[in-house]
Amino acid sequence: AREAGLPYVYLGYWVPGSPKMGYKSNFSALEIYKNDCWQDIGS
């Protein structure tokens, strides 16, 4: 994406409390779509 000049890599769904999806929160600069907008995941 960086080489192509594209600003985002979409990873699918992150699910709080799900061990299967927990790894996604390990990536920095991660945003989630919540309350109809994109926002930093924070904690």
PDB file of all heavy atoms in Angstrom:
ATOM      1  N   ALA A   1       0.830  -1.207   0.000  1.00  0.00           N
ATOM      2  CA  ALA A   1       0.000   0.000   0.000  1.00  0.00           C
ATOM      3  C   ALA A   1       0.862   1.254   0.000  1.00  0.00           C
ATOM      4  O   ALA A   1       0.569   2.223  -0.713  1.00  0.00           O
ATOM      5  CB  ALA A   1      -0.931  -0.006   1.216  1.00  0.00           C
ATOM      6  N   ARG A   2       1.951   1.226   0.763  1.00  0.00           N
ATOM      7  CA  ARG A   2       2.844   2.386   0.820  1.00  0.00           C
ATOM      8  C   ARG A   2       3.452   2.661  -0.556  1.00  0.00           C
ATOM      9  O   ARG A   2       3.501   3.805  -1.021  1.00  0.00           O
ATOM     10  CB  ARG A   2       3.951   2.149   1.851  1.00  0.00           C
ATOM     11  CG  ARG A   2       4.709   3.419   2.253  1.00  0.00           C
ATOM     12  CD  ARG A   2       5.926   3.074   3.091  1.00  0.00           C
ATOM     13  NE  ARG A   2       5.617   2.236   4.228  1.00  0.00           N
ATOM     14  CZ  ARG A   2       5.167   2.676   5.405  1.00  0.00           C
ATOM     15  NH1 ARG A   2       4.972   3.975   5.589  1.00  0.00           N
ATOM     16  NH2 ARG A   2       4.926   1.839   6.388  1.00  0.00           N
ATOM     17  N   GLU A   3       3.905   1.603  -1.209  1.00  0.00           N
ATOM     18  CA  GLU A   3       4.501   1.757  -2.533  1.00  0.00           C
ATOM     19  C   GLU A   3       3.487   2.254  -3.561  1.00  0.00           C
ATOM     20  O   GLU A   3       3.845   2.975  -4.503  1.00  0.00           O
ATOM     21  CB  GLU A   3       5.094   0.419  -2.985  1.00  0.00           C
ATOM     22  CG  GLU A   3       6.287  -0.047  -2.162  1.00  0.00           C
ATOM     23  CD  GLU A   3       6.653  -1.491  -2.440  1.00  0.00           C
ATOM     24  OE1 GLU A   3       5.983  -2.121  -3.309  1.00  0.00           O
ATOM     25  OE2 GLU A   3       7.585  -2.007  -1.792  1.00  0.00           O
ATOM     26  N   ALA A   4       2.213   1.875  -3.390  1.00  0.00           N
ATOM     27  CA  ALA A   4       1.170   2.267  -4.333  1.00  0.00           C
ATOM     28  C   ALA A   4       0.541   3.618  -3.993  1.00  0.00           C
ATOM     29  O   ALA A   4      -0.319   4.103  -4.739  1.00  0.00           O
ATOM     30  CB  ALA A   4       0.078   1.201  -4.371  1.00  0.00           C
ATOM     31  N   GLY A   5       0.962   4.212  -2.871  1.00  0.00           N
ATOM     32  CA  GLY A   5       0.396   5.492  -2.467  1.00  0.00           C
ATOM     33  C   GLY A   5      -1.013   5.385  -1.918  1.00  0.00           C
ATOM     34  O   GLY A   5      -1.782   6.349  -1.978  1.00  0.00           O
ATOM     35  N   LEU A   6      -1.370   4.221  -1.380  1.00  0.00           N
ATOM     36  CA  LEU A   6      -2.701   4.010  -0.809  1.00  0.00           C
ATOM     37  C   LEU A   6      -2.640   4.203   0.706  1.00  0.00           C
ATOM     38  O   LEU A   6      -1.756   3.663   1.356  1.00  0.00           O
ATOM     39  CB  LEU A   6      -3.209   2.607  -1.140  1.00  0.00           C
ATOM     40  CG  LEU A   6      -3.424   2.325  -2.631  1.00  0.00           C
ATOM     41  CD1 LEU A   6      -3.699   0.856  -2.877  1.00  0.00           C
ATOM     42  CD2 LEU A   6      -4.564   3.182  -3.179  1.00  0.00           C
ATOM     43  N   PRO A   7      -3.579   4.945   1.284  1.00  0.00           N
ATOM     44  CA  PRO A   7      -3.454   5.315   2.698  1.00  0.00           C
ATOM     45  C   PRO A   7      -3.837   4.252   3.716  1.00  0.00           C
ATOM     46  O   PRO A   7      -3.459   4.374   4.884  1.00  0.00           O
ATOM     47  CB  PRO A   7      -4.382   6.529   2.833  1.00  0.00           C
ATOM     48  CG  PRO A   7      -5.371   6.385   1.725  1.00  0.00           C
ATOM     49  CD  PRO A   7      -4.637   5.716   0.596  1.00  0.00           C
ATOM     50  N   TYR A   8      -4.563   3.197   3.322  1.00  0.00           N
ATOM     51  CA  TYR A   8      -5.063   2.266   4.331  1.00  0.00           C
ATOM     52  C   TYR A   8      -4.877   0.804   3.920  1.00  0.00           C
ATOM     53  O   TYR A   8      -4.861   0.478   2.731  1.00  0.00           O
ATOM     54  CB  TYR A   8      -6.554   2.492   4.608  1.00  0.00           C
ATOM     55  CG  TYR A   8      -6.876   3.885   5.092  1.00  0.00           C
ATOM     56  CD1 TYR A   8      -7.537   4.788   4.255  1.00  0.00           C
ATOM     57  CD2 TYR A   8      -6.519   4.308   6.369  1.00  0.00           C
ATOM     58  CE1 TYR A   8      -7.836   6.073   4.690  1.00  0.00           C
ATOM     59  CE2 TYR A   8      -6.804   5.592   6.801  1.00  0.00           C
ATOM     60  CZ  TYR A   8      -7.462   6.469   5.963  1.00  0.00           C
ATOM     61  OH  TYR A   8      -7.754   7.741   6.387  1.00  0.00           O
ATOM     62  N   VAL A   9      -4.779  -0.054   4.933  1.00  0.00           N
ATOM     63  CA  VAL A   9      -4.888  -1.502   4.754  1.00  0.00           C
ATOM     64  C   VAL A   9      -6.034  -1.960   5.648  1.00  0.00           C
ATOM     65  O   VAL A   9      -5.971  -1.824   6.880  1.00  0.00           O
ATOM     66  CB  VAL A   9      -3.594  -2.242   5.125  1.00  0.00           C
ATOM     67  CG1 VAL A   9      -3.825  -3.760   5.116  1.00  0.00           C
ATOM     68  CG2 VAL A   9      -2.474  -1.883   4.162  1.00  0.00           C
ATOM     69  N   TYR A  10      -7.084  -2.478   5.034  1.00  0.00           N
ATOM     70  CA  TYR A  10      -8.266  -2.947   5.760  1.00  0.00           C
ATOM     71  C   TYR A  10      -8.053  -4.396   6.200  1.00  0.00           C
ATOM     72  O   TYR A  10      -7.763  -5.268   5.371  1.00  0.00           O
ATOM     73  CB  TYR A  10      -9.504  -2.841   4.881  1.00  0.00           C
ATOM     74  CG  TYR A  10      -9.960  -1.420   4.616  1.00  0.00           C
ATOM     75  CD1 TYR A  10      -9.316  -0.626   3.650  1.00  0.00           C
ATOM     76  CD2 TYR A  10     -11.021  -0.864   5.314  1.00  0.00           C
ATOM     77  CE1 TYR A  10      -9.726   0.679   3.405  1.00  0.00           C
ATOM     78  CE2 TYR A  10     -11.442   0.444   5.072  1.00  0.00           C
ATOM     79  CZ  TYR A  10     -10.794   1.209   4.120  1.00  0.00           C
ATOM     80  OH  TYR A  10     -11.195   2.505   3.878  1.00  0.00           O
ATOM     81  N   LEU A  11      -8.236  -4.650   7.503  1.00  0.00           N
ATOM     82  CA  LEU A  11      -7.940  -5.962   8.076  1.00  0.00           C
ATOM     83  C   LEU A  11      -9.173  -6.812   8.336  1.00  0.00           C
ATOM     84  O   LEU A  11      -9.047  -7.942   8.807  1.00  0.00           O
ATOM     85  CB  LEU A  11      -7.187  -5.798   9.399  1.00  0.00           C
ATOM     86  CG  LEU A  11      -5.849  -5.059   9.355  1.00  0.00           C
ATOM     87  CD1 LEU A  11      -5.235  -5.023  10.752  1.00  0.00           C
ATOM     88  CD2 LEU A  11      -4.900  -5.717   8.364  1.00  0.00           C
ATOM     89  N   GLY A  12     -10.361  -6.294   8.066  1.00  0.00           N
ATOM     90  CA  GLY A  12     -11.563  -7.024   8.445  1.00  0.00           C
ATOM     91  C   GLY A  12     -12.027  -6.600   9.822  1.00  0.00           C
ATOM     92  O   GLY A  12     -11.774  -5.474  10.255  1.00  0.00           O
ATOM     93  N   TYR A  13     -12.682  -7.511  10.549  1.00  0.00           N
ATOM     94  CA  TYR A  13     -13.279  -7.147  11.825  1.00  0.00           C
ATOM     95  C   TYR A  13     -12.385  -7.489  13.007  1.00  0.00           C
ATOM     96  O   TYR A  13     -11.777  -8.560  13.063  1.00  0.00           O
ATOM     97  CB  TYR A  13     -14.646  -7.832  11.981  1.00  0.00           C
ATOM     98  CG  TYR A  13     -15.633  -7.323  10.971  1.00  0.00           C
ATOM     99  CD1 TYR A  13     -16.071  -8.131   9.924  1.00  0.00           C
ATOM    100  CD2 TYR A  13     -16.088  -6.015  11.026  1.00  0.00           C
ATOM    101  CE1 TYR A  13     -16.948  -7.649   8.972  1.00  0.00           C
ATOM    102  CE2 TYR A  13     -16.962  -5.515  10.069  1.00  0.00           C
ATOM    103  CZ  TYR A  13     -17.383  -6.342   9.057  1.00  0.00           C
ATOM    104  OH  TYR A  13     -18.235  -5.852   8.105  1.00  0.00           O
ATOM    105  N   TRP A  14     -12.320  -6.535  13.917  1.00  0.00           N
ATOM    106  CA  TRP A  14     -11.693  -6.759  15.222  1.00  0.00           C
ATOM    107  C   TRP A  14     -12.832  -6.894  16.225  1.00  0.00           C
ATOM    108  O   TRP A  14     -13.782  -6.106  16.219  1.00  0.00           O
ATOM    109  CB  TRP A  14     -10.787  -5.595  15.588  1.00  0.00           C
ATOM    110  CG  TRP A  14     -10.272  -5.687  17.004  1.00  0.00           C
ATOM    111  CD1 TRP A  14      -9.345  -6.560  17.484  1.00  0.00           C
ATOM    112  CD2 TRP A  14     -10.665  -4.872  18.116  1.00  0.00           C
ATOM    113  NE1 TRP A  14      -9.147  -6.351  18.824  1.00  0.00           N
ATOM    114  CE2 TRP A  14      -9.937  -5.325  19.236  1.00  0.00           C
ATOM    115  CE3 TRP A  14     -11.557  -3.814  18.273  1.00  0.00           C
ATOM    116  CZ2 TRP A  14     -10.083  -4.748  20.491  1.00  0.00           C
ATOM    117  CZ3 TRP A  14     -11.711  -3.239  19.515  1.00  0.00           C
ATOM    118  CH2 TRP A  14     -10.968  -3.705  20.616  1.00  0.00           C
ATOM    119  N   VAL A  15     -12.739  -7.907  17.094  1.00  0.00           N
ATOM    120  CA  VAL A  15     -13.828  -8.204  18.019  1.00  0.00           C
ATOM    121  C   VAL A  15     -13.292  -8.180  19.451  1.00  0.00           C
ATOM    122  O   VAL A  15     -12.519  -9.068  19.840  1.00  0.00           O
ATOM    123  CB  VAL A  15     -14.450  -9.588  17.724  1.00  0.00           C
ATOM    124  CG1 VAL A  15     -15.670  -9.815  18.612  1.00  0.00           C
ATOM    125  CG2 VAL A  15     -14.822  -9.710  16.257  1.00  0.00           C
ATOM    126  N   PRO A  16     -13.649  -7.182  20.261  1.00  0.00           N
ATOM    127  CA  PRO A  16     -13.208  -7.156  21.657  1.00  0.00           C
ATOM    128  C   PRO A  16     -13.627  -8.430  22.376  1.00  0.00           C
ATOM    129  O   PRO A  16     -14.773  -8.867  22.264  1.00  0.00           O
ATOM    130  CB  PRO A  16     -13.932  -5.935  22.240  1.00  0.00           C
ATOM    131  CG  PRO A  16     -14.296  -5.090  21.077  1.00  0.00           C
ATOM    132  CD  PRO A  16     -14.514  -6.026  19.933  1.00  0.00           C
ATOM    133  N   GLY A  17     -12.690  -9.028  23.084  1.00  0.00           N
ATOM    134  CA  GLY A  17     -12.989 -10.246  23.835  1.00  0.00           C
ATOM    135  C   GLY A  17     -12.841 -11.529  23.061  1.00  0.00           C
ATOM    136  O   GLY A  17     -13.027 -12.615  23.608  1.00  0.00           O
ATOM    137  N   SER A  18     -12.499 -11.445  21.763  1.00  0.00           N
ATOM    138  CA  SER A  18     -12.331 -12.651  20.953  1.00  0.00           C
ATOM    139  C   SER A  18     -10.856 -12.954  20.757  1.00  0.00           C
ATOM    140  O   SER A  18     -10.141 -12.165  20.127  1.00  0.00           O
ATOM    141  CB  SER A  18     -12.995 -12.478  19.586  1.00  0.00           C
ATOM    142  OG  SER A  18     -12.640 -13.547  18.717  1.00  0.00           O
ATOM    143  N   PRO A  19     -10.355 -14.083  21.280  1.00  0.00           N
ATOM    144  CA  PRO A  19      -8.945 -14.443  21.080  1.00  0.00           C
ATOM    145  C   PRO A  19      -8.572 -14.569  19.608  1.00  0.00           C
ATOM    146  O   PRO A  19      -7.433 -14.299  19.223  1.00  0.00           O
ATOM    147  CB  PRO A  19      -8.828 -15.791  21.800  1.00  0.00           C
ATOM    148  CG  PRO A  19      -9.943 -15.807  22.799  1.00  0.00           C
ATOM    149  CD  PRO A  19     -11.064 -15.061  22.134  1.00  0.00           C
ATOM    150  N   LYS A  20      -9.526 -14.974  18.756  1.00  0.00           N
ATOM    151  CA  LYS A  20      -9.244 -15.145  17.336  1.00  0.00           C
ATOM    152  C   LYS A  20      -8.887 -13.823  16.663  1.00  0.00           C
ATOM    153  O   LYS A  20      -8.154 -13.791  15.681  1.00  0.00           O
ATOM    154  CB  LYS A  20     -10.463 -15.748  16.619  1.00  0.00           C
ATOM    155  CG  LYS A  20     -10.777 -17.186  16.993  1.00  0.00           C
ATOM    156  CD  LYS A  20     -11.973 -17.670  16.196  1.00  0.00           C
ATOM    157  CE  LYS A  20     -12.323 -19.102  16.531  1.00  0.00           C
ATOM    158  NZ  LYS A  20     -13.514 -19.584  15.766  1.00  0.00           N
ATOM    159  N   MET A  21      -9.427 -12.722  17.178  1.00  0.00           N
ATOM    160  CA  MET A  21      -9.251 -11.425  16.533  1.00  0.00           C
ATOM    161  C   MET A  21      -8.341 -10.486  17.309  1.00  0.00           C
ATOM    162  O   MET A  21      -8.084  -9.368  16.877  1.00  0.00           O
ATOM    163  CB  MET A  21     -10.617 -10.751  16.336  1.00  0.00           C
ATOM    164  CG  MET A  21     -11.519 -11.491  15.391  1.00  0.00           C
ATOM    165  SD  MET A  21     -10.809 -11.541  13.721  1.00  0.00           S
ATOM    166  CE  MET A  21     -12.034 -12.516  12.866  1.00  0.00           C
ATOM    167  N   GLY A  22      -7.850 -10.923  18.461  1.00  0.00           N
ATOM    168  CA  GLY A  22      -7.055 -10.046  19.310  1.00  0.00           C
ATOM    169  C   GLY A  22      -5.781  -9.543  18.673  1.00  0.00           C
ATOM    170  O   GLY A  22      -5.318  -8.436  18.976  1.00  0.00           O
ATOM    171  N   TYR A  23      -5.199 -10.324  17.759  1.00  0.00           N
ATOM    172  CA  TYR A  23      -3.912  -9.950  17.161  1.00  0.00           C
ATOM    173  C   TYR A  23      -3.985  -8.631  16.397  1.00  0.00           C
ATOM    174  O   TYR A  23      -2.973  -7.933  16.255  1.00  0.00           O
ATOM    175  CB  TYR A  23      -3.427 -11.061  16.222  1.00  0.00           C
ATOM    176  CG  TYR A  23      -4.221 -11.197  14.952  1.00  0.00           C
ATOM    177  CD1 TYR A  23      -3.854 -10.509  13.802  1.00  0.00           C
ATOM    178  CD2 TYR A  23      -5.338 -12.022  14.884  1.00  0.00           C
ATOM    179  CE1 TYR A  23      -4.578 -10.633  12.624  1.00  0.00           C
ATOM    180  CE2 TYR A  23      -6.077 -12.149  13.722  1.00  0.00           C
ATOM    181  CZ  TYR A  23      -5.690 -11.457  12.600  1.00  0.00           C
ATOM    182  OH  TYR A  23      -6.419 -11.572  11.449  1.00  0.00           O
ATOM    183  N   LYS A  24      -5.153  -8.257  15.898  1.00  0.00           N
ATOM    184  CA  LYS A  24      -5.258  -7.046  15.081  1.00  0.00           C
ATOM    185  C   LYS A  24      -4.952  -5.788  15.882  1.00  0.00           C
ATOM    186  O   LYS A  24      -4.449  -4.801  15.340  1.00  0.00           O
ATOM    187  CB  LYS A  24      -6.641  -6.959  14.448  1.00  0.00           C
ATOM    188  CG  LYS A  24      -6.906  -8.105  13.470  1.00  0.00           C
ATOM    189  CD  LYS A  24      -8.269  -8.029  12.826  1.00  0.00           C
ATOM    190  CE  LYS A  24      -8.487  -9.235  11.918  1.00  0.00           C
ATOM    191  NZ  LYS A  24      -9.794  -9.232  11.236  1.00  0.00           N
ATOM    192  N   SER A  25      -5.246  -5.819  17.177  1.00  0.00           N
ATOM    193  CA  SER A  25      -4.986  -4.641  18.013  1.00  0.00           C
ATOM    194  C   SER A  25      -3.505  -4.465  18.310  1.00  0.00           C
ATOM    195  O   SER A  25      -3.112  -3.469  18.926  1.00  0.00           O
ATOM    196  CB  SER A  25      -5.777  -4.729  19.316  1.00  0.00           C
ATOM    197  OG  SER A  25      -5.380  -5.847  20.080  1.00  0.00           O
ATOM    198  N   ASN A  26      -2.664  -5.416  17.872  1.00  0.00           N
ATOM    199  CA  ASN A  26      -1.215  -5.295  18.075  1.00  0.00           C
ATOM    200  C   ASN A  26      -0.552  -4.390  17.047  1.00  0.00           C
ATOM    201  O   ASN A  26       0.631  -4.071  17.181  1.00  0.00           O
ATOM    202  CB  ASN A  26      -0.557  -6.678  18.026  1.00  0.00           C
ATOM    203  CG  ASN A  26      -1.014  -7.586  19.146  1.00  0.00           C
ATOM    204  OD1 ASN A  26      -1.328  -7.117  20.239  1.00  0.00           O
ATOM    205  ND2 ASN A  26      -1.058  -8.887  18.890  1.00  0.00           N
ATOM    206  N   PHE A  27      -1.301  -3.977  16.021  1.00  0.00           N
ATOM    207  CA  PHE A  27      -0.713  -3.156  14.967  1.00  0.00           C
ATOM    208  C   PHE A  27      -0.925  -1.684  15.288  1.00  0.00           C
ATOM    209  O   PHE A  27      -2.027  -1.268  15.661  1.00  0.00           O
ATOM    210  CB  PHE A  27      -1.333  -3.508  13.614  1.00  0.00           C
ATOM    211  CG  PHE A  27      -0.909  -4.859  13.108  1.00  0.00           C
ATOM    212  CD1 PHE A  27      -1.593  -6.000  13.495  1.00  0.00           C
ATOM    213  CD2 PHE A  27       0.191  -4.991  12.282  1.00  0.00           C
ATOM    214  CE1 PHE A  27      -1.201  -7.251  13.057  1.00  0.00           C
ATOM    215  CE2 PHE A  27       0.602  -6.238  11.838  1.00  0.00           C
ATOM    216  CZ  PHE A  27      -0.095  -7.371  12.231  1.00  0.00           C
ATOM    217  N   SER A  28       0.134  -0.907  15.148  1.00  0.00           N
ATOM    218  CA  SER A  28       0.043   0.526  15.430  1.00  0.00           C
ATOM    219  C   SER A  28      -0.769   1.235  14.360  1.00  0.00           C
ATOM    220  O   SER A  28      -1.047   0.675  13.284  1.00  0.00           O
ATOM    221  CB  SER A  28       1.440   1.135  15.513  1.00  0.00           C
ATOM    222  OG  SER A  28       2.067   1.135  14.234  1.00  0.00           O
ATOM    223  N   ALA A  29      -1.164   2.480  14.648  1.00  0.00           N
ATOM    224  CA  ALA A  29      -1.946   3.312  13.723  1.00  0.00           C
ATOM    225  C   ALA A  29      -3.213   2.593  13.282  1.00  0.00           C
ATOM    226  O   ALA A  29      -3.644   2.688  12.124  1.00  0.00           O
ATOM    227  CB  ALA A  29      -1.105   3.707  12.509  1.00  0.00           C
ATOM    228  N   LEU A  30      -3.831   1.865  14.219  1.00  0.00           N
ATOM    229  CA  LEU A  30      -5.046   1.112  13.902  1.00  0.00           C
ATOM    230  C   LEU A  30      -6.278   1.959  14.181  1.00  0.00           C
ATOM    231  O   LEU A  30      -6.399   2.581  15.236  1.00  0.00           O
ATOM    232  CB  LEU A  30      -5.110  -0.172  14.725  1.00  0.00           C
ATOM    233  CG  LEU A  30      -6.179  -1.179  14.279  1.00  0.00           C
ATOM    234  CD1 LEU A  30      -5.754  -1.861  12.978  1.00  0.00           C
ATOM    235  CD2 LEU A  30      -6.432  -2.228  15.362  1.00  0.00           C
ATOM    236  N   GLU A  31      -7.180   1.985  13.216  1.00  0.00           N
ATOM    237  CA  GLU A  31      -8.455   2.661  13.362  1.00  0.00           C
ATOM    238  C   GLU A  31      -9.577   1.639  13.352  1.00  0.00           C
ATOM    239  O   GLU A  31      -9.459   0.583  12.723  1.00  0.00           O
ATOM    240  CB  GLU A  31      -8.695   3.652  12.214  1.00  0.00           C
ATOM    241  CG  GLU A  31      -7.677   4.768  12.114  1.00  0.00           C
ATOM    242  CD  GLU A  31      -7.975   5.697  10.948  1.00  0.00           C
ATOM    243  OE1 GLU A  31      -8.801   5.343  10.084  1.00  0.00           O
ATOM    244  OE2 GLU A  31      -7.372   6.786  10.911  1.00  0.00           O
ATOM    245  N   ILE A  32     -10.683   1.969  14.040  1.00  0.00           N
ATOM    246  CA  ILE A  32     -11.883   1.133  13.994  1.00  0.00           C
ATOM    247  C   ILE A  32     -13.060   1.996  13.555  1.00  0.00           C
ATOM    248  O   ILE A  32     -13.084   3.201  13.787  1.00  0.00           O
ATOM    249  CB  ILE A  32     -12.184   0.484  15.357  1.00  0.00           C
ATOM    250  CG1 ILE A  32     -12.257   1.545  16.453  1.00  0.00           C
ATOM    251  CG2 ILE A  32     -11.146  -0.587  15.679  1.00  0.00           C
ATOM    252  CD1 ILE A  32     -12.726   1.004  17.797  1.00  0.00           C
ATOM    253  N   TYR A  33     -14.028   1.354  12.897  1.00  0.00           N
ATOM    254  CA  TYR A  33     -15.238   2.055  12.471  1.00  0.00           C
ATOM    255  C   TYR A  33     -16.289   1.885  13.555  1.00  0.00           C
ATOM    256  O   TYR A  33     -16.813   0.799  13.783  1.00  0.00           O
ATOM    257  CB  TYR A  33     -15.748   1.503  11.142  1.00  0.00           C
ATOM    258  CG  TYR A  33     -16.833   2.352  10.527  1.00  0.00           C
ATOM    259  CD1 TYR A  33     -16.522   3.548   9.895  1.00  0.00           C
ATOM    260  CD2 TYR A  33     -18.167   1.961  10.580  1.00  0.00           C
ATOM    261  CE1 TYR A  33     -17.506   4.340   9.331  1.00  0.00           C
ATOM    262  CE2 TYR A  33     -19.168   2.736  10.015  1.00  0.00           C
ATOM    263  CZ  TYR A  33     -18.825   3.934   9.400  1.00  0.00           C
ATOM    264  OH  TYR A  33     -19.799   4.720   8.845  1.00  0.00           O
ATOM    265  N   LYS A  34     -16.593   2.975  14.245  1.00  0.00           N
ATOM    266  CA  LYS A  34     -17.487   2.934  15.402  1.00  0.00           C
ATOM    267  C   LYS A  34     -18.305   4.216  15.436  1.00  0.00           C
ATOM    268  O   LYS A  34     -17.768   5.305  15.195  1.00  0.00           O
ATOM    269  CB  LYS A  34     -16.653   2.785  16.685  1.00  0.00           C
ATOM    270  CG  LYS A  34     -17.446   2.684  17.966  1.00  0.00           C
ATOM    271  CD  LYS A  34     -16.504   2.470  19.149  1.00  0.00           C
ATOM    272  CE  LYS A  34     -17.243   2.399  20.461  1.00  0.00           C
ATOM    273  NZ  LYS A  34     -16.324   2.193  21.612  1.00  0.00           N
ATOM    274  N   ASN A  35     -19.578   4.081  15.725  1.00  0.00           N
ATOM    275  CA  ASN A  35     -20.474   5.239  15.769  1.00  0.00           C
ATOM    276  C   ASN A  35     -20.438   6.022  14.455  1.00  0.00           C
ATOM    277  O   ASN A  35     -20.379   7.254  14.434  1.00  0.00           O
ATOM    278  CB  ASN A  35     -20.124   6.155  16.948  1.00  0.00           C
ATOM    279  CG  ASN A  35     -20.277   5.458  18.288  1.00  0.00           C
ATOM    280  OD1 ASN A  35     -21.135   4.596  18.449  1.00  0.00           O
ATOM    281  ND2 ASN A  35     -19.432   5.810  19.240  1.00  0.00           N
ATOM    282  N   ASP A  36     -20.425   5.272  13.358  1.00  0.00           N
ATOM    283  CA  ASP A  36     -20.496   5.841  12.006  1.00  0.00           C
ATOM    284  C   ASP A  36     -19.279   6.668  11.616  1.00  0.00           C
ATOM    285  O   ASP A  36     -19.376   7.542  10.734  1.00  0.00           O
ATOM    286  CB  ASP A  36     -21.758   6.698  11.839  1.00  0.00           C
ATOM    287  CG  ASP A  36     -23.030   5.890  12.015  1.00  0.00           C
ATOM    288  OD1 ASP A  36     -23.022   4.694  11.672  1.00  0.00           O
ATOM    289  OD2 ASP A  36     -24.029   6.452  12.503  1.00  0.00           O
ATOM    290  N   CYS A  37     -18.137   6.415  12.227  1.00  0.00           N
ATOM    291  CA  CYS A  37     -16.923   7.127  11.814  1.00  0.00           C
ATOM    292  C   CYS A  37     -15.696   6.310  12.190  1.00  0.00           C
ATOM    293  O   CYS A  37     -15.748   5.420  13.050  1.00  0.00           O
ATOM    294  CB  CYS A  37     -16.860   8.520  12.462  1.00  0.00           C
ATOM    295  SG  CYS A  37     -16.628   8.485  14.253  1.00  0.00           S
ATOM    296  N   TRP A  38     -14.582   6.613  11.516  1.00  0.00           N
ATOM    297  CA  TRP A  38     -13.316   5.969  11.827  1.00  0.00           C
ATOM    298  C   TRP A  38     -12.628   6.734  12.958  1.00  0.00           C
ATOM    299  O   TRP A  38     -12.601   7.961  12.954  1.00  0.00           O
ATOM    300  CB  TRP A  38     -12.412   5.937  10.594  1.00  0.00           C
ATOM    301  CG  TRP A  38     -12.894   4.980   9.556  1.00  0.00           C
ATOM    302  CD1 TRP A  38     -13.639   5.281   8.455  1.00  0.00           C
ATOM    303  CD2 TRP A  38     -12.674   3.571   9.520  1.00  0.00           C
ATOM    304  NE1 TRP A  38     -13.896   4.143   7.731  1.00  0.00           N
ATOM    305  CE2 TRP A  38     -13.316   3.073   8.361  1.00  0.00           C
ATOM    306  CE3 TRP A  38     -12.001   2.676  10.345  1.00  0.00           C
ATOM    307  CZ2 TRP A  38     -13.299   1.727   8.010  1.00  0.00           C
ATOM    308  CZ3 TRP A  38     -11.977   1.334  10.005  1.00  0.00           C
ATOM    309  CH2 TRP A  38     -12.615   0.876   8.851  1.00  0.00           C
ATOM    310  N   GLN A  39     -12.055   6.001  13.903  1.00  0.00           N
ATOM    311  CA  GLN A  39     -11.378   6.604  15.042  1.00  0.00           C
ATOM    312  C   GLN A  39     -10.250   5.700  15.511  1.00  0.00           C
ATOM    313  O   GLN A  39     -10.267   4.495  15.259  1.00  0.00           O
ATOM    314  CB  GLN A  39     -12.366   6.838  16.185  1.00  0.00           C
ATOM    315  CG  GLN A  39     -13.124   5.593  16.614  1.00  0.00           C
ATOM    316  CD  GLN A  39     -14.248   5.892  17.590  1.00  0.00           C
ATOM    317  OE1 GLN A  39     -14.036   5.908  18.796  1.00  0.00           O
ATOM    318  NE2 GLN A  39     -15.450   6.129  17.070  1.00  0.00           N
ATOM    319  N   ASP A  40      -9.249   6.287  16.166  1.00  0.00           N
ATOM    320  CA  ASP A  40      -8.168   5.491  16.719  1.00  0.00           C
ATOM    321  C   ASP A  40      -8.725   4.465  17.697  1.00  0.00           C
ATOM    322  O   ASP A  40      -9.647   4.769  18.465  1.00  0.00           O
ATOM    323  CB  ASP A  40      -7.159   6.382  17.438  1.00  0.00           C
ATOM    324  CG  ASP A  40      -6.313   7.186  16.470  1.00  0.00           C
ATOM    325  OD1 ASP A  40      -5.986   6.649  15.397  1.00  0.00           O
ATOM    326  OD2 ASP A  40      -5.987   8.343  16.790  1.00  0.00           O
ATOM    327  N   ILE A  41      -8.146   3.290  17.693  1.00  0.00           N
ATOM    328  CA  ILE A  41      -8.645   2.243  18.571  1.00  0.00           C
ATOM    329  C   ILE A  41      -8.422   2.578  20.044  1.00  0.00           C
ATOM    330  O   ILE A  41      -9.220   2.216  20.900  1.00  0.00           O
ATOM    331  CB  ILE A  41      -8.002   0.876  18.223  1.00  0.00           C
ATOM    332  CG1 ILE A  41      -8.666  -0.245  19.019  1.00  0.00           C
ATOM    333  CG2 ILE A  41      -6.506   0.901  18.438  1.00  0.00           C
ATOM    334  CD1 ILE A  41      -8.226  -1.629  18.617  1.00  0.00           C
ATOM    335  N   GLY A  42      -7.347   3.311  20.334  1.00  0.00           N
ATOM    336  CA  GLY A  42      -7.066   3.625  21.734  1.00  0.00           C
ATOM    337  C   GLY A  42      -6.799   2.353  22.527  1.00  0.00           C
ATOM    338  O   GLY A  42      -6.172   1.412  22.032  1.00  0.00           O
ATOM    339  N   SER A  43      -7.295   2.287  23.748  1.00  0.00           N
ATOM    340  CA  SER A  43      -7.132   1.086  24.570  1.00  0.00           C
ATOM    341  C   SER A  43      -8.151   0.035  24.143  1.00  0.00           C
ATOM    342  O   SER A  43      -9.363   0.306  24.145  1.00  0.00           O
ATOM    343  CB  SER A  43      -7.330   1.413  26.046  1.00  0.00           C
ATOM    344  OG  SER A  43      -7.351   0.221  26.814  1.00  0.00           O
TER     345      SER A  43
END
